[in-house]
Amino acid sequence: MARQSAGILLYRIAKETEVLLVHPGGPFFIKKDLGSWSIPKGEYTPEEEPLEAAKREFREETGFDVSGNFIPLQPVRQKGGKVIQAWAVEGNLDADAVVSNTFVLNWPPGSQNFKTYPEVDRAEWFGLDAARTKINERQAAFIDELESLLLSNR
């Protein structure tokens, strides 16, 4: 069975619709930008309800709780095979105040030098077009679906 993740696509409507994306922390992504951002998400076990896992992961990766009317989006399969279930929800938070949990990594590999890194090193609000260039290419489908849903509800 493919690994599964659950996440939240937080959006806000001001002059334009914006979505909150997070940039992964650690040495692998330090110089990567386009195509490297993501919705706050993480893996869950078969015993866990996916929406509850998505809320937990949002809190772990941003330091904020999320609530509201959760809109289920169509799952996507990333290149590595992981399936991501996501929900869109309208909300707002200060992206500069995001604080995530951390992980320990042996870096450089084989050095026995263990360092602690944030799971997310920054968060930012992006307009939909800019978000499509920043987000992992498979997750862009979440933005497309959100835009379609918002247009159909006008």
Protein backbone atom coordinates (compact mmCIF):
# COMPACT_ATOMS: atom_id res chain seq x y z
CA MET A 1 0.00 0.00 0.00
CA ALA A 2 1.28 3.48 -0.88
CA ARG A 3 2.34 5.80 1.92
CA GLN A 4 -0.29 8.40 2.71
CA SER A 5 -0.16 11.99 3.89
CA ALA A 6 -2.88 14.41 4.87
CA GLY A 7 -2.69 18.18 4.67
CA ILE A 8 -4.43 21.52 4.79
CA LEU A 9 -4.59 24.12 2.02
CA LEU A 10 -5.25 27.29 4.02
CA TYR A 11 -6.53 30.17 1.91
CA ARG A 12 -7.59 33.75 2.44
CA ILE A 13 -9.36 36.22 0.20
CA ALA A 14 -8.18 39.82 0.26
CA LYS A 15 -7.45 41.72 -2.95
CA GLU A 16 -6.84 38.29 -4.44
CA THR A 17 -7.04 34.72 -3.24
CA GLU A 18 -3.87 33.64 -1.47
CA VAL A 19 -2.74 30.26 -0.15
CA LEU A 20 -0.32 29.47 2.65
CA LEU A 21 2.62 27.30 1.63
CA VAL A 22 5.52 26.03 3.72
CA HIS A 23 9.14 25.48 2.74
CA PRO A 24 10.84 22.34 4.06
CA GLY A 25 13.71 22.82 6.48
CA GLY A 26 17.02 21.01 6.54
CA PRO A 27 20.03 20.87 4.26
CA PHE A 28 18.35 19.20 1.26
CA PHE A 29 16.08 22.17 0.48
CA ILE A 30 18.14 25.13 1.71
CA LYS A 31 18.87 26.39 -1.82
CA LYS A 32 15.70 25.10 -3.50
CA ASP A 33 12.69 27.29 -4.16
CA LEU A 34 10.55 26.69 -7.24
CA GLY A 35 8.69 23.40 -6.94
CA SER A 36 9.91 22.81 -3.38
CA TRP A 37 7.12 24.38 -1.32
CA SER A 38 4.18 22.37 -0.02
CA ILE A 39 0.93 22.54 1.85
CA PRO A 40 1.42 21.71 5.54
CA LYS A 41 1.05 17.93 5.55
CA GLY A 42 2.39 14.71 6.96
CA GLU A 43 2.03 10.96 7.07
CA TYR A 44 -0.60 9.22 9.13
CA THR A 45 -1.32 5.69 10.26
CA PRO A 46 -4.29 3.57 9.11
CA GLU A 47 -5.83 4.00 12.57
CA GLU A 48 -5.88 7.81 12.28
CA GLU A 49 -8.66 9.75 10.58
CA PRO A 50 -7.09 11.65 7.65
CA LEU A 51 -8.71 15.02 8.45
CA GLU A 52 -7.60 14.80 12.09
CA ALA A 53 -4.09 13.91 10.88
CA ALA A 54 -4.15 16.93 8.55
CA LYS A 55 -5.09 19.22 11.45
CA ARG A 56 -2.36 17.68 13.64
CA GLU A 57 0.24 18.10 10.92
CA PHE A 58 -0.83 21.70 10.35
CA ARG A 59 -0.30 22.42 14.05
CA GLU A 60 3.07 20.60 14.08
CA GLU A 61 4.35 22.41 11.00
CA THR A 62 3.02 25.90 11.74
CA GLY A 63 2.37 26.12 15.47
CA PHE A 64 -1.24 27.16 14.76
CA ASP A 65 -4.52 25.30 15.14
CA VAL A 66 -6.87 25.41 12.17
CA SER A 67 -10.66 25.29 12.18
CA GLY A 68 -13.53 26.12 9.87
CA ASN A 69 -15.41 24.58 6.99
CA PHE A 70 -13.04 21.92 5.65
CA ILE A 71 -13.56 21.29 1.93
CA PRO A 72 -12.24 17.90 0.77
CA LEU A 73 -10.05 18.06 -2.33
CA GLN A 74 -9.24 15.26 -4.75
CA PRO A 75 -6.21 13.25 -3.57
CA VAL A 76 -2.99 13.49 -5.57
CA ARG A 77 -0.18 11.00 -6.03
CA GLN A 78 3.32 12.42 -5.85
CA LYS A 79 6.14 11.13 -8.06
CA GLY A 80 7.44 8.88 -5.29
CA GLY A 81 4.01 7.22 -5.01
CA LYS A 82 2.83 8.89 -1.81
CA VAL A 83 -0.89 9.76 -1.88
CA ILE A 84 -1.85 13.09 -0.35
CA GLN A 85 -5.35 13.82 0.87
CA ALA A 86 -6.05 17.50 1.44
CA TRP A 87 -8.74 19.85 2.65
CA ALA A 88 -9.09 23.53 1.83
CA VAL A 89 -10.20 25.87 4.59
CA GLU A 90 -10.45 29.63 4.74
CA GLY A 91 -8.40 31.27 7.47
CA ASN A 92 -5.59 33.63 8.25
CA LEU A 93 -2.39 33.59 10.24
CA ASP A 94 0.86 35.52 10.47
CA ALA A 95 3.26 33.57 8.24
CA ASP A 96 6.22 35.21 9.98
CA ALA A 97 5.08 33.69 13.30
CA VAL A 98 5.12 30.09 12.04
CA VAL A 99 7.20 27.75 14.21
CA SER A 100 7.44 24.07 13.35
CA ASN A 101 8.57 20.93 15.10
CA THR A 102 12.13 19.73 14.48
CA PHE A 103 14.01 16.63 13.38
CA VAL A 104 17.56 15.38 13.90
CA LEU A 105 19.73 14.47 10.92
CA ASN A 106 23.26 13.13 10.57
CA TRP A 107 24.78 15.86 8.37
CA PRO A 108 26.86 15.57 6.37
CA PRO A 109 26.04 11.88 5.97
CA GLY A 110 28.45 9.57 7.75
CA SER A 111 30.03 12.41 9.74
CA GLN A 112 28.49 11.45 13.10
CA ASN A 113 27.58 15.15 13.31
CA PHE A 114 23.91 15.20 14.30
CA LYS A 115 22.08 18.48 13.80
CA THR A 116 18.55 19.60 14.60
CA TYR A 117 16.54 21.26 11.83
CA PRO A 118 13.02 22.69 11.68
CA GLU A 119 10.64 20.58 9.63
CA VAL A 120 9.48 23.86 8.05
CA ASP A 121 11.93 26.74 7.81
CA ARG A 122 9.42 29.35 6.60
CA ALA A 123 5.86 29.92 5.49
CA GLU A 124 4.49 32.47 3.07
CA TRP A 125 1.23 33.61 1.52
CA PHE A 126 1.18 33.42 -2.29
CA GLY A 127 -1.32 34.46 -4.94
CA LEU A 128 -2.58 31.45 -6.88
CA ASP A 129 -0.36 31.95 -9.94
CA ALA A 130 2.79 32.40 -7.86
CA ALA A 131 1.82 29.45 -5.66
CA ARG A 132 1.64 27.18 -8.70
CA THR A 133 5.32 27.91 -9.45
CA LYS A 134 6.43 27.43 -5.83
CA ILE A 135 4.51 24.28 -4.88
CA ASN A 136 5.49 20.70 -5.65
CA GLU A 137 4.18 20.15 -9.18
CA ARG A 138 1.74 17.38 -8.21
CA GLN A 139 0.26 19.46 -5.38
CA ALA A 140 -0.56 22.26 -7.84
CA ALA A 141 -3.76 20.30 -8.53
CA PHE A 142 -4.98 21.36 -5.07
CA ILE A 143 -4.65 25.02 -6.05
CA ASP A 144 -6.42 24.43 -9.37
CA GLU A 145 -9.30 22.68 -7.62
CA LEU A 146 -9.57 25.40 -4.97
CA GLU A 147 -9.72 28.06 -7.69
CA SER A 148 -12.46 26.15 -9.52
CA LEU A 149 -14.48 25.72 -6.32
CA LEU A 150 -14.21 29.41 -5.46
CA LEU A 151 -15.21 30.47 -8.97
CA SER A 152 -18.23 28.16 -8.96
CA ASN A 153 -19.41 29.62 -5.63
CA ARG A 154 -19.44 33.24 -6.80
